[in-house]
Amino acid sequence: KEVEWSSLNNRLKLIAALLRQHVMLAPVFKFLEETVSPLVQYTSVSFGGDGAVLVTAETVSYEEMARQVVALRADQARVSKVDVSSFNFDQAKQIVIFNLNISLKPEVWHYGQF
């Protein structure tokens, strides 16, 4: 029995190590949910290389866009860099549409890190 438990324990450790190395999207979506301002709506999310999350968003003003960027940059535990790649004011809808390039730290992409 002790040999069986030892073997099972070794297999569980191996599985845990593999999961820690596995890239996961769930923690990234959790991060986006936790950090979005109530006045900002993400309309599109895609993933680039090197831990980049590309987000298209809309909000009520340039001030709210700036607040969103400041909030993301303040999360230094998970965020390496945030850039606004483009923005414009949609006259018809009376909203600001903008694109963010959010570089996340590698730990955010892995199981059980955050």
PDB file of N, CA and C in Angstrom:
ATOM      1  N   LYS A   1       0.823  -1.207   0.000  1.00  0.00           N
ATOM      2  CA  LYS A   1       0.000   0.000   0.000  1.00  0.00           C
ATOM      3  C   LYS A   1       0.861   1.263   0.000  1.00  0.00           C
ATOM      4  N   GLU A   2       1.930   1.265   0.780  1.00  0.00           N
ATOM      5  CA  GLU A   2       2.786   2.445   0.854  1.00  0.00           C
ATOM      6  C   GLU A   2       3.422   2.755  -0.499  1.00  0.00           C
ATOM      7  N   VAL A   3       3.779   1.709  -1.249  1.00  0.00           N
ATOM      8  CA  VAL A   3       4.363   1.891  -2.571  1.00  0.00           C
ATOM      9  C   VAL A   3       3.320   2.496  -3.518  1.00  0.00           C
ATOM     10  N   GLU A   4       2.063   2.063  -3.414  1.00  0.00           N
ATOM     11  CA  GLU A   4       0.993   2.608  -4.244  1.00  0.00           C
ATOM     12  C   GLU A   4       0.774   4.084  -3.947  1.00  0.00           C
ATOM     13  N   TRP A   5       0.754   4.444  -2.655  1.00  0.00           N
ATOM     14  CA  TRP A   5       0.571   5.849  -2.282  1.00  0.00           C
ATOM     15  C   TRP A   5       1.731   6.700  -2.773  1.00  0.00           C
ATOM     16  N   SER A   6       2.926   6.172  -2.683  1.00  0.00           N
ATOM     17  CA  SER A   6       4.103   6.902  -3.143  1.00  0.00           C
ATOM     18  C   SER A   6       4.026   7.129  -4.654  1.00  0.00           C
ATOM     19  N   SER A   7       3.622   6.099  -5.385  1.00  0.00           N
ATOM     20  CA  SER A   7       3.482   6.211  -6.828  1.00  0.00           C
ATOM     21  C   SER A   7       2.402   7.226  -7.195  1.00  0.00           C
ATOM     22  N   LEU A   8       1.260   7.169  -6.507  1.00  0.00           N
ATOM     23  CA  LEU A   8       0.172   8.116  -6.744  1.00  0.00           C
ATOM     24  C   LEU A   8       0.625   9.535  -6.432  1.00  0.00           C
ATOM     25  N   ASN A   9       1.337   9.712  -5.336  1.00  0.00           N
ATOM     26  CA  ASN A   9       1.839  11.032  -4.942  1.00  0.00           C
ATOM     27  C   ASN A   9       2.777  11.585  -6.010  1.00  0.00           C
ATOM     28  N   ASN A  10       3.650  10.752  -6.550  1.00  0.00           N
ATOM     29  CA  ASN A  10       4.578  11.201  -7.600  1.00  0.00           C
ATOM     30  C   ASN A  10       3.825  11.606  -8.860  1.00  0.00           C
ATOM     31  N   ARG A  11       2.799  10.837  -9.227  1.00  0.00           N
ATOM     32  CA  ARG A  11       2.002  11.186 -10.404  1.00  0.00           C
ATOM     33  C   ARG A  11       1.255  12.496 -10.189  1.00  0.00           C
ATOM     34  N   LEU A  12       0.716  12.707  -8.984  1.00  0.00           N
ATOM     35  CA  LEU A  12       0.011  13.961  -8.696  1.00  0.00           C
ATOM     36  C   LEU A  12       0.953  15.157  -8.748  1.00  0.00           C
ATOM     37  N   LYS A  13       2.167  14.987  -8.275  1.00  0.00           N
ATOM     38  CA  LYS A  13       3.153  16.069  -8.342  1.00  0.00           C
ATOM     39  C   LYS A  13       3.493  16.403  -9.796  1.00  0.00           C
ATOM     40  N   LEU A  14       3.597  15.377 -10.622  1.00  0.00           N
ATOM     41  CA  LEU A  14       3.877  15.585 -12.035  1.00  0.00           C
ATOM     42  C   LEU A  14       2.727  16.330 -12.710  1.00  0.00           C
ATOM     43  N   ILE A  15       1.508  15.930 -12.422  1.00  0.00           N
ATOM     44  CA  ILE A  15       0.334  16.602 -12.988  1.00  0.00           C
ATOM     45  C   ILE A  15       0.285  18.058 -12.538  1.00  0.00           C
ATOM     46  N   ALA A  16       0.547  18.314 -11.266  1.00  0.00           N
ATOM     47  CA  ALA A  16       0.548  19.693 -10.752  1.00  0.00           C
ATOM     48  C   ALA A  16       1.602  20.542 -11.459  1.00  0.00           C
ATOM     49  N   ALA A  17       2.777  19.966 -11.688  1.00  0.00           N
ATOM     50  CA  ALA A  17       3.840  20.693 -12.382  1.00  0.00           C
ATOM     51  C   ALA A  17       3.431  21.008 -13.823  1.00  0.00           C
ATOM     52  N   LEU A  18       2.796  20.068 -14.500  1.00  0.00           N
ATOM     53  CA  LEU A  18       2.328  20.306 -15.867  1.00  0.00           C
ATOM     54  C   LEU A  18       1.259  21.394 -15.909  1.00  0.00           C
ATOM     55  N   LEU A  19       0.345  21.384 -14.963  1.00  0.00           N
ATOM     56  CA  LEU A  19      -0.705  22.407 -14.923  1.00  0.00           C
ATOM     57  C   LEU A  19      -0.125  23.794 -14.688  1.00  0.00           C
ATOM     58  N   ARG A  20       0.907  23.896 -13.857  1.00  0.00           N
ATOM     59  CA  ARG A  20       1.526  25.196 -13.593  1.00  0.00           C
ATOM     60  C   ARG A  20       2.173  25.771 -14.851  1.00  0.00           C
ATOM     61  N   GLN A  21       2.612  24.915 -15.763  1.00  0.00           N
ATOM     62  CA  GLN A  21       3.248  25.372 -16.996  1.00  0.00           C
ATOM     63  C   GLN A  21       2.240  25.612 -18.111  1.00  0.00           C
ATOM     64  N   HIS A  22       1.030  25.109 -17.966  1.00  0.00           N
ATOM     65  CA  HIS A  22       0.003  25.199 -18.999  1.00  0.00           C
ATOM     66  C   HIS A  22      -0.573  26.618 -19.061  1.00  0.00           C
ATOM     67  N   VAL A  23      -0.634  27.164 -20.249  1.00  0.00           N
ATOM     68  CA  VAL A  23      -1.201  28.501 -20.447  1.00  0.00           C
ATOM     69  C   VAL A  23      -2.721  28.395 -20.376  1.00  0.00           C
ATOM     70  N   MET A  24      -3.325  29.280 -19.577  1.00  0.00           N
ATOM     71  CA  MET A  24      -4.775  29.259 -19.374  1.00  0.00           C
ATOM     72  C   MET A  24      -5.357  30.638 -19.684  1.00  0.00           C
ATOM     73  N   LEU A  25      -6.536  30.659 -20.265  1.00  0.00           N
ATOM     74  CA  LEU A  25      -7.208  31.925 -20.553  1.00  0.00           C
ATOM     75  C   LEU A  25      -8.121  32.373 -19.418  1.00  0.00           C
ATOM     76  N   ALA A  26      -8.606  31.444 -18.610  1.00  0.00           N
ATOM     77  CA  ALA A  26      -9.538  31.806 -17.531  1.00  0.00           C
ATOM     78  C   ALA A  26      -8.963  32.876 -16.604  1.00  0.00           C
ATOM     79  N   PRO A  27      -7.692  32.780 -16.168  1.00  0.00           N
ATOM     80  CA  PRO A  27      -7.163  33.847 -15.302  1.00  0.00           C
ATOM     81  C   PRO A  27      -7.090  35.208 -16.006  1.00  0.00           C
ATOM     82  N   VAL A  28      -6.903  35.187 -17.314  1.00  0.00           N
ATOM     83  CA  VAL A  28      -6.836  36.441 -18.077  1.00  0.00           C
ATOM     84  C   VAL A  28      -8.217  37.097 -18.126  1.00  0.00           C
ATOM     85  N   PHE A  29      -9.247  36.296 -18.385  1.00  0.00           N
ATOM     86  CA  PHE A  29     -10.605  36.851 -18.394  1.00  0.00           C
ATOM     87  C   PHE A  29     -11.018  37.325 -17.001  1.00  0.00           C
ATOM     88  N   LYS A  30     -10.574  36.627 -15.977  1.00  0.00           N
ATOM     89  CA  LYS A  30     -10.848  37.062 -14.598  1.00  0.00           C
ATOM     90  C   LYS A  30     -10.192  38.419 -14.338  1.00  0.00           C
ATOM     91  N   PHE A  31      -8.948  38.564 -14.785  1.00  0.00           N
ATOM     92  CA  PHE A  31      -8.236  39.837 -14.650  1.00  0.00           C
ATOM     93  C   PHE A  31      -9.011  40.953 -15.345  1.00  0.00           C
ATOM     94  N   LEU A  32      -9.452  40.719 -16.587  1.00  0.00           N
ATOM     95  CA  LEU A  32     -10.195  41.735 -17.334  1.00  0.00           C
ATOM     96  C   LEU A  32     -11.485  42.113 -16.605  1.00  0.00           C
ATOM     97  N   GLU A  33     -12.169  41.121 -16.073  1.00  0.00           N
ATOM     98  CA  GLU A  33     -13.414  41.371 -15.336  1.00  0.00           C
ATOM     99  C   GLU A  33     -13.166  42.197 -14.074  1.00  0.00           C
ATOM    100  N   GLU A  34     -12.091  41.884 -13.372  1.00  0.00           N
ATOM    101  CA  GLU A  34     -11.784  42.582 -12.110  1.00  0.00           C
ATOM    102  C   GLU A  34     -11.313  44.014 -12.317  1.00  0.00           C
ATOM    103  N   THR A  35     -10.742  44.300 -13.466  1.00  0.00           N
ATOM    104  CA  THR A  35     -10.117  45.615 -13.659  1.00  0.00           C
ATOM    105  C   THR A  35     -10.899  46.572 -14.548  1.00  0.00           C
ATOM    106  N   VAL A  36     -11.997  46.123 -15.135  1.00  0.00           N
ATOM    107  CA  VAL A  36     -12.755  47.017 -16.021  1.00  0.00           C
ATOM    108  C   VAL A  36     -13.578  48.013 -15.200  1.00  0.00           C
ATOM    109  N   SER A  37     -13.548  49.242 -15.632  1.00  0.00           N
ATOM    110  CA  SER A  37     -14.335  50.302 -14.997  1.00  0.00           C
ATOM    111  C   SER A  37     -15.819  50.089 -15.304  1.00  0.00           C
ATOM    112  N   PRO A  38     -16.706  50.495 -14.391  1.00  0.00           N
ATOM    113  CA  PRO A  38     -18.144  50.358 -14.655  1.00  0.00           C
ATOM    114  C   PRO A  38     -18.624  51.152 -15.870  1.00  0.00           C
ATOM    115  N   LEU A  39     -17.868  52.172 -16.263  1.00  0.00           N
ATOM    116  CA  LEU A  39     -18.273  52.997 -17.405  1.00  0.00           C
ATOM    117  C   LEU A  39     -17.556  52.624 -18.699  1.00  0.00           C
ATOM    118  N   VAL A  40     -16.820  51.510 -18.672  1.00  0.00           N
ATOM    119  CA  VAL A  40     -16.115  51.024 -19.855  1.00  0.00           C
ATOM    120  C   VAL A  40     -16.693  49.670 -20.234  1.00  0.00           C
ATOM    121  N   GLN A  41     -16.883  49.481 -21.530  1.00  0.00           N
ATOM    122  CA  GLN A  41     -17.352  48.186 -22.022  1.00  0.00           C
ATOM    123  C   GLN A  41     -16.318  47.643 -23.004  1.00  0.00           C
ATOM    124  N   TYR A  42     -15.830  46.423 -22.737  1.00  0.00           N
ATOM    125  CA  TYR A  42     -14.928  45.758 -23.682  1.00  0.00           C
ATOM    126  C   TYR A  42     -15.796  45.130 -24.764  1.00  0.00           C
ATOM    127  N   THR A  43     -15.522  45.464 -26.024  1.00  0.00           N
ATOM    128  CA  THR A  43     -16.327  44.938 -27.128  1.00  0.00           C
ATOM    129  C   THR A  43     -15.601  43.848 -27.903  1.00  0.00           C
ATOM    130  N   SER A  44     -14.285  43.756 -27.725  1.00  0.00           N
ATOM    131  CA  SER A  44     -13.507  42.744 -28.425  1.00  0.00           C
ATOM    132  C   SER A  44     -12.232  42.465 -27.637  1.00  0.00           C
ATOM    133  N   VAL A  45     -11.872  41.192 -27.569  1.00  0.00           N
ATOM    134  CA  VAL A  45     -10.628  40.790 -26.909  1.00  0.00           C
ATOM    135  C   VAL A  45      -9.939  39.776 -27.804  1.00  0.00           C
ATOM    136  N   SER A  46      -8.641  39.986 -28.026  1.00  0.00           N
ATOM    137  CA  SER A  46      -7.843  39.005 -28.760  1.00  0.00           C
ATOM    138  C   SER A  46      -6.482  38.911 -28.080  1.00  0.00           C
ATOM    139  N   PHE A  47      -5.720  37.929 -28.489  1.00  0.00           N
ATOM    140  CA  PHE A  47      -4.459  37.656 -27.808  1.00  0.00           C
ATOM    141  C   PHE A  47      -3.315  37.700 -28.805  1.00  0.00           C
ATOM    142  N   GLY A  48      -2.281  38.455 -28.423  1.00  0.00           N
ATOM    143  CA  GLY A  48      -1.085  38.554 -29.246  1.00  0.00           C
ATOM    144  C   GLY A  48       0.030  37.740 -28.621  1.00  0.00           C
ATOM    145  N   GLY A  49       1.195  37.874 -29.165  1.00  0.00           N
ATOM    146  CA  GLY A  49       2.342  37.166 -28.625  1.00  0.00           C
ATOM    147  C   GLY A  49       2.880  37.823 -27.374  1.00  0.00           C
ATOM    148  N   ASP A  50       3.730  37.117 -26.683  1.00  0.00           N
ATOM    149  CA  ASP A  50       4.433  37.644 -25.504  1.00  0.00           C
ATOM    150  C   ASP A  50       3.510  38.158 -24.404  1.00  0.00           C
ATOM    151  N   GLY A  51       2.388  37.505 -24.192  1.00  0.00           N
ATOM    152  CA  GLY A  51       1.508  37.877 -23.095  1.00  0.00           C
ATOM    153  C   GLY A  51       0.680  39.113 -23.337  1.00  0.00           C
ATOM    154  N   ALA A  52       0.458  39.461 -24.591  1.00  0.00           N
ATOM    155  CA  ALA A  52      -0.316  40.658 -24.903  1.00  0.00           C
ATOM    156  C   ALA A  52      -1.799  40.336 -25.045  1.00  0.00           C
ATOM    157  N   VAL A  53      -2.618  41.216 -24.478  1.00  0.00           N
ATOM    158  CA  VAL A  53      -4.067  41.139 -24.640  1.00  0.00           C
ATOM    159  C   VAL A  53      -4.480  42.402 -25.372  1.00  0.00           C
ATOM    160  N   LEU A  54      -5.150  42.223 -26.503  1.00  0.00           N
ATOM    161  CA  LEU A  54      -5.577  43.351 -27.319  1.00  0.00           C
ATOM    162  C   LEU A  54      -7.072  43.538 -27.104  1.00  0.00           C
ATOM    163  N   VAL A  55      -7.444  44.725 -26.614  1.00  0.00           N
ATOM    164  CA  VAL A  55      -8.825  44.987 -26.222  1.00  0.00           C
ATOM    165  C   VAL A  55      -9.359  46.192 -26.992  1.00  0.00           C
ATOM    166  N   THR A  56     -10.556  46.041 -27.556  1.00  0.00           N
ATOM    167  CA  THR A  56     -11.291  47.179 -28.090  1.00  0.00           C
ATOM    168  C   THR A  56     -12.370  47.500 -27.064  1.00  0.00           C
ATOM    169  N   ALA A  57     -12.493  48.777 -26.735  1.00  0.00           N
ATOM    170  CA  ALA A  57     -13.419  49.186 -25.680  1.00  0.00           C
ATOM    171  C   ALA A  57     -14.128  50.470 -26.073  1.00  0.00           C
ATOM    172  N   GLU A  58     -15.211  50.735 -25.356  1.00  0.00           N
ATOM    173  CA  GLU A  58     -15.908  52.007 -25.538  1.00  0.00           C
ATOM    174  C   GLU A  58     -16.335  52.543 -24.179  1.00  0.00           C
ATOM    175  N   THR A  59     -16.423  53.865 -24.128  1.00  0.00           N
ATOM    176  CA  THR A  59     -16.799  54.526 -22.879  1.00  0.00           C
ATOM    177  C   THR A  59     -17.420  55.885 -23.190  1.00  0.00           C
ATOM    178  N   VAL A  60     -17.799  56.593 -22.150  1.00  0.00           N
ATOM    179  CA  VAL A  60     -18.560  57.831 -22.309  1.00  0.00           C
ATOM    180  C   VAL A  60     -17.703  59.072 -22.553  1.00  0.00           C
ATOM    181  N   SER A  61     -16.385  59.005 -22.240  1.00  0.00           N
ATOM    182  CA  SER A  61     -15.547  60.198 -22.391  1.00  0.00           C
ATOM    183  C   SER A  61     -14.065  59.826 -22.445  1.00  0.00           C
ATOM    184  N   TYR A  62     -13.261  60.780 -22.891  1.00  0.00           N
ATOM    185  CA  TYR A  62     -11.813  60.584 -22.880  1.00  0.00           C
ATOM    186  C   TYR A  62     -11.305  60.450 -21.442  1.00  0.00           C
ATOM    187  N   GLU A  63     -11.941  61.156 -20.526  1.00  0.00           N
ATOM    188  CA  GLU A  63     -11.558  61.069 -19.114  1.00  0.00           C
ATOM    189  C   GLU A  63     -11.742  59.642 -18.590  1.00  0.00           C
ATOM    190  N   GLU A  64     -12.841  59.006 -18.953  1.00  0.00           N
ATOM    191  CA  GLU A  64     -13.079  57.620 -18.514  1.00  0.00           C
ATOM    192  C   GLU A  64     -12.081  56.660 -19.155  1.00  0.00           C
ATOM    193  N   MET A  65     -11.725  56.933 -20.398  1.00  0.00           N
ATOM    194  CA  MET A  65     -10.699  56.120 -21.050  1.00  0.00           C
ATOM    195  C   MET A  65      -9.388  56.225 -20.272  1.00  0.00           C
ATOM    196  N   ALA A  66      -9.013  57.443 -19.907  1.00  0.00           N
ATOM    197  CA  ALA A  66      -7.778  57.659 -19.144  1.00  0.00           C
ATOM    198  C   ALA A  66      -7.842  56.967 -17.779  1.00  0.00           C
ATOM    199  N   ARG A  67      -8.997  57.032 -17.124  1.00  0.00           N
ATOM    200  CA  ARG A  67      -9.150  56.347 -15.836  1.00  0.00           C
ATOM    201  C   ARG A  67      -8.940  54.837 -15.977  1.00  0.00           C
ATOM    202  N   GLN A  68      -9.446  54.272 -17.061  1.00  0.00           N
ATOM    203  CA  GLN A  68      -9.278  52.838 -17.284  1.00  0.00           C
ATOM    204  C   GLN A  68      -7.800  52.494 -17.454  1.00  0.00           C
ATOM    205  N   VAL A  69      -7.091  53.291 -18.220  1.00  0.00           N
ATOM    206  CA  VAL A  69      -5.664  53.054 -18.438  1.00  0.00           C
ATOM    207  C   VAL A  69      -4.894  53.173 -17.121  1.00  0.00           C
ATOM    208  N   VAL A  70      -5.197  54.184 -16.332  1.00  0.00           N
ATOM    209  CA  VAL A  70      -4.529  54.375 -15.041  1.00  0.00           C
ATOM    210  C   VAL A  70      -4.804  53.184 -14.114  1.00  0.00           C
ATOM    211  N   ALA A  71      -6.037  52.704 -14.096  1.00  0.00           N
ATOM    212  CA  ALA A  71      -6.389  51.560 -13.247  1.00  0.00           C
ATOM    213  C   ALA A  71      -5.621  50.312 -13.662  1.00  0.00           C
ATOM    214  N   LEU A  72      -5.504  50.081 -14.950  1.00  0.00           N
ATOM    215  CA  LEU A  72      -4.755  48.915 -15.428  1.00  0.00           C
ATOM    216  C   LEU A  72      -3.275  49.033 -15.085  1.00  0.00           C
ATOM    217  N   ARG A  73      -2.710  50.206 -15.290  1.00  0.00           N
ATOM    218  CA  ARG A  73      -1.290  50.412 -14.986  1.00  0.00           C
ATOM    219  C   ARG A  73      -1.000  50.297 -13.489  1.00  0.00           C
ATOM    220  N   ALA A  74      -1.989  50.568 -12.664  1.00  0.00           N
ATOM    221  CA  ALA A  74      -1.803  50.478 -11.211  1.00  0.00           C
ATOM    222  C   ALA A  74      -1.679  49.030 -10.737  1.00  0.00           C
ATOM    223  N   ASP A  75      -2.150  48.081 -11.529  1.00  0.00           N
ATOM    224  CA  ASP A  75      -2.093  46.665 -11.164  1.00  0.00           C
ATOM    225  C   ASP A  75      -0.723  46.093 -11.538  1.00  0.00           C
ATOM    226  N   GLN A  76       0.297  46.543 -10.825  1.00  0.00           N
ATOM    227  CA  GLN A  76       1.669  46.174 -11.154  1.00  0.00           C
ATOM    228  C   GLN A  76       1.996  44.715 -10.851  1.00  0.00           C
ATOM    229  N   ALA A  77       1.171  44.053 -10.065  1.00  0.00           N
ATOM    230  CA  ALA A  77       1.395  42.631  -9.782  1.00  0.00           C
ATOM    231  C   ALA A  77       1.128  41.782 -11.021  1.00  0.00           C
ATOM    232  N   ARG A  78       0.198  42.242 -11.872  1.00  0.00           N
ATOM    233  CA  ARG A  78      -0.187  41.439 -13.039  1.00  0.00           C
ATOM    234  C   ARG A  78       0.130  42.088 -14.373  1.00  0.00           C
ATOM    235  N   VAL A  79       0.292  43.403 -14.390  1.00  0.00           N
ATOM    236  CA  VAL A  79       0.449  44.141 -15.657  1.00  0.00           C
ATOM    237  C   VAL A  79       1.881  44.636 -15.817  1.00  0.00           C
ATOM    238  N   SER A  80       2.443  44.357 -16.999  1.00  0.00           N
ATOM    239  CA  SER A  80       3.774  44.875 -17.325  1.00  0.00           C
ATOM    240  C   SER A  80       3.685  46.238 -18.000  1.00  0.00           C
ATOM    241  N   LYS A  81       2.683  46.374 -18.881  1.00  0.00           N
ATOM    242  CA  LYS A  81       2.601  47.601 -19.684  1.00  0.00           C
ATOM    243  C   LYS A  81       1.201  47.732 -20.273  1.00  0.00           C
ATOM    244  N   VAL A  82       0.739  48.976 -20.408  1.00  0.00           N
ATOM    245  CA  VAL A  82      -0.537  49.259 -21.068  1.00  0.00           C
ATOM    246  C   VAL A  82      -0.316  50.412 -22.046  1.00  0.00           C
ATOM    247  N   ASP A  83      -0.704  50.179 -23.292  1.00  0.00           N
ATOM    248  CA  ASP A  83      -0.622  51.221 -24.316  1.00  0.00           C
ATOM    249  C   ASP A  83      -1.986  51.411 -24.955  1.00  0.00           C
ATOM    250  N   VAL A  84      -2.316  52.657 -25.247  1.00  0.00           N
ATOM    251  CA  VAL A  84      -3.507  52.961 -26.040  1.00  0.00           C
ATOM    252  C   VAL A  84      -3.021  53.036 -27.484  1.00  0.00           C
ATOM    253  N   SER A  85      -3.473  52.095 -28.314  1.00  0.00           N
ATOM    254  CA  SER A  85      -2.976  52.063 -29.687  1.00  0.00           C
ATOM    255  C   SER A  85      -3.773  52.970 -30.618  1.00  0.00           C
ATOM    256  N   SER A  86      -5.042  53.225 -30.275  1.00  0.00           N
ATOM    257  CA  SER A  86      -5.844  54.168 -31.058  1.00  0.00           C
ATOM    258  C   SER A  86      -7.080  54.563 -30.259  1.00  0.00           C
ATOM    259  N   PHE A  87      -7.665  55.695 -30.640  1.00  0.00           N
ATOM    260  CA  PHE A  87      -8.905  56.151 -30.008  1.00  0.00           C
ATOM    261  C   PHE A  87      -9.582  57.166 -30.912  1.00  0.00           C
ATOM    262  N   ASN A  88     -10.894  57.225 -30.820  1.00  0.00           N
ATOM    263  CA  ASN A  88     -11.648  58.247 -31.544  1.00  0.00           C
ATOM    264  C   ASN A  88     -13.017  58.422 -30.902  1.00  0.00           C
ATOM    265  N   PHE A  89     -13.635  59.545 -31.220  1.00  0.00           N
ATOM    266  CA  PHE A  89     -14.968  59.842 -30.705  1.00  0.00           C
ATOM    267  C   PHE A  89     -15.984  59.570 -31.799  1.00  0.00           C
ATOM    268  N   ASP A  90     -16.925  58.677 -31.537  1.00  0.00           N
ATOM    269  CA  ASP A  90     -17.988  58.360 -32.488  1.00  0.00           C
ATOM    270  C   ASP A  90     -19.118  59.369 -32.279  1.00  0.00           C
ATOM    271  N   GLN A  91     -19.240  60.312 -33.209  1.00  0.00           N
ATOM    272  CA  GLN A  91     -20.243  61.375 -33.095  1.00  0.00           C
ATOM    273  C   GLN A  91     -21.666  60.822 -33.062  1.00  0.00           C
ATOM    274  N   ALA A  92     -21.926  59.825 -33.876  1.00  0.00           N
ATOM    275  CA  ALA A  92     -23.284  59.273 -33.969  1.00  0.00           C
ATOM    276  C   ALA A  92     -23.715  58.616 -32.656  1.00  0.00           C
ATOM    277  N   LYS A  93     -22.805  57.877 -32.042  1.00  0.00           N
ATOM    278  CA  LYS A  93     -23.136  57.156 -30.799  1.00  0.00           C
ATOM    279  C   LYS A  93     -22.788  57.968 -29.545  1.00  0.00           C
ATOM    280  N   GLN A  94     -22.019  59.039 -29.733  1.00  0.00           N
ATOM    281  CA  GLN A  94     -21.569  59.871 -28.608  1.00  0.00           C
ATOM    282  C   GLN A  94     -20.756  59.061 -27.589  1.00  0.00           C
ATOM    283  N   ILE A  95     -19.822  58.242 -28.108  1.00  0.00           N
ATOM    284  CA  ILE A  95     -18.950  57.446 -27.244  1.00  0.00           C
ATOM    285  C   ILE A  95     -17.513  57.506 -27.756  1.00  0.00           C
ATOM    286  N   VAL A  96     -16.585  57.220 -26.858  1.00  0.00           N
ATOM    287  CA  VAL A  96     -15.174  57.104 -27.212  1.00  0.00           C
ATOM    288  C   VAL A  96     -14.882  55.619 -27.427  1.00  0.00           C
ATOM    289  N   ILE A  97     -14.299  55.315 -28.574  1.00  0.00           N
ATOM    290  CA  ILE A  97     -13.889  53.953 -28.885  1.00  0.00           C
ATOM    291  C   ILE A  97     -12.360  53.930 -28.864  1.00  0.00           C
ATOM    292  N   PHE A  98     -11.797  52.960 -28.162  1.00  0.00           N
ATOM    293  CA  PHE A  98     -10.343  52.915 -28.056  1.00  0.00           C
ATOM    294  C   PHE A  98      -9.835  51.482 -28.022  1.00  0.00           C
ATOM    295  N   ASN A  99      -8.560  51.343 -28.380  1.00  0.00           N
ATOM    296  CA  ASN A  99      -7.891  50.048 -28.394  1.00  0.00           C
ATOM    297  C   ASN A  99      -6.745  50.060 -27.399  1.00  0.00           C
ATOM    298  N   LEU A 100      -6.673  48.998 -26.602  1.00  0.00           N
ATOM    299  CA  LEU A 100      -5.615  48.844 -25.615  1.00  0.00           C
ATOM    300  C   LEU A 100      -4.748  47.644 -25.961  1.00  0.00           C
ATOM    301  N   ASN A 101      -3.474  47.783 -25.714  1.00  0.00           N
ATOM    302  CA  ASN A 101      -2.545  46.669 -25.790  1.00  0.00           C
ATOM    303  C   ASN A 101      -2.024  46.481 -24.369  1.00  0.00           C
ATOM    304  N   ILE A 102      -2.475  45.418 -23.718  1.00  0.00           N
ATOM    305  CA  ILE A 102      -2.139  45.162 -22.316  1.00  0.00           C
ATOM    306  C   ILE A 102      -1.149  44.011 -22.262  1.00  0.00           C
ATOM    307  N   SER A 103       0.051  44.271 -21.763  1.00  0.00           N
ATOM    308  CA  SER A 103       1.048  43.214 -21.597  1.00  0.00           C
ATOM    309  C   SER A 103       0.964  42.698 -20.171  1.00  0.00           C
ATOM    310  N   LEU A 104       0.627  41.421 -20.051  1.00  0.00           N
ATOM    311  CA  LEU A 104       0.492  40.803 -18.734  1.00  0.00           C
ATOM    312  C   LEU A 104       1.752  40.041 -18.369  1.00  0.00           C
ATOM    313  N   LYS A 105       2.013  39.965 -17.081  1.00  0.00           N
ATOM    314  CA  LYS A 105       3.150  39.190 -16.601  1.00  0.00           C
ATOM    315  C   LYS A 105       2.869  37.702 -16.826  1.00  0.00           C
ATOM    316  N   PRO A 106       3.901  36.916 -17.059  1.00  0.00           N
ATOM    317  CA  PRO A 106       3.717  35.498 -17.388  1.00  0.00           C
ATOM    318  C   PRO A 106       2.899  34.712 -16.363  1.00  0.00           C
ATOM    319  N   GLU A 107       2.994  35.065 -15.101  1.00  0.00           N
ATOM    320  CA  GLU A 107       2.272  34.343 -14.056  1.00  0.00           C
ATOM    321  C   GLU A 107       0.765  34.373 -14.251  1.00  0.00           C
ATOM    322  N   VAL A 108       0.250  35.421 -14.871  1.00  0.00           N
ATOM    323  CA  VAL A 108      -1.192  35.569 -15.046  1.00  0.00           C
ATOM    324  C   VAL A 108      -1.742  34.481 -15.967  1.00  0.00           C
ATOM    325  N   TRP A 109      -0.917  34.015 -16.871  1.00  0.00           N
ATOM    326  CA  TRP A 109      -1.343  33.042 -17.883  1.00  0.00           C
ATOM    327  C   TRP A 109      -1.314  31.593 -17.391  1.00  0.00           C
ATOM    328  N   HIS A 110      -0.851  31.362 -16.171  1.00  0.00           N
ATOM    329  CA  HIS A 110      -0.643  29.992 -15.722  1.00  0.00           C
ATOM    330  C   HIS A 110      -1.568  29.612 -14.566  1.00  0.00           C
ATOM    331  N   TYR A 111      -1.938  28.374 -14.525  1.00  0.00           N
ATOM    332  CA  TYR A 111      -2.838  27.805 -13.535  1.00  0.00           C
ATOM    333  C   TYR A 111      -2.327  28.027 -12.117  1.00  0.00           C
ATOM    334  N   GLY A 112      -3.180  28.545 -11.242  1.00  0.00           N
ATOM    335  CA  GLY A 112      -2.871  28.641  -9.821  1.00  0.00           C
ATOM    336  C   GLY A 112      -1.899  29.727  -9.414  1.00  0.00           C
ATOM    337  N   GLN A 113      -1.536  30.614 -10.324  1.00  0.00           N
ATOM    338  CA  GLN A 113      -0.570  31.661  -9.975  1.00  0.00           C
ATOM    339  C   GLN A 113      -1.238  32.865  -9.330  1.00  0.00           C
ATOM    340  N   PHE A 114      -2.467  33.187  -9.778  1.00  0.00           N
ATOM    341  CA  PHE A 114      -3.207  34.326  -9.208  1.00  0.00           C
ATOM    342  C   PHE A 114      -4.568  33.871  -8.806  1.00  0.00           C
TER     343      PHE A 114
END
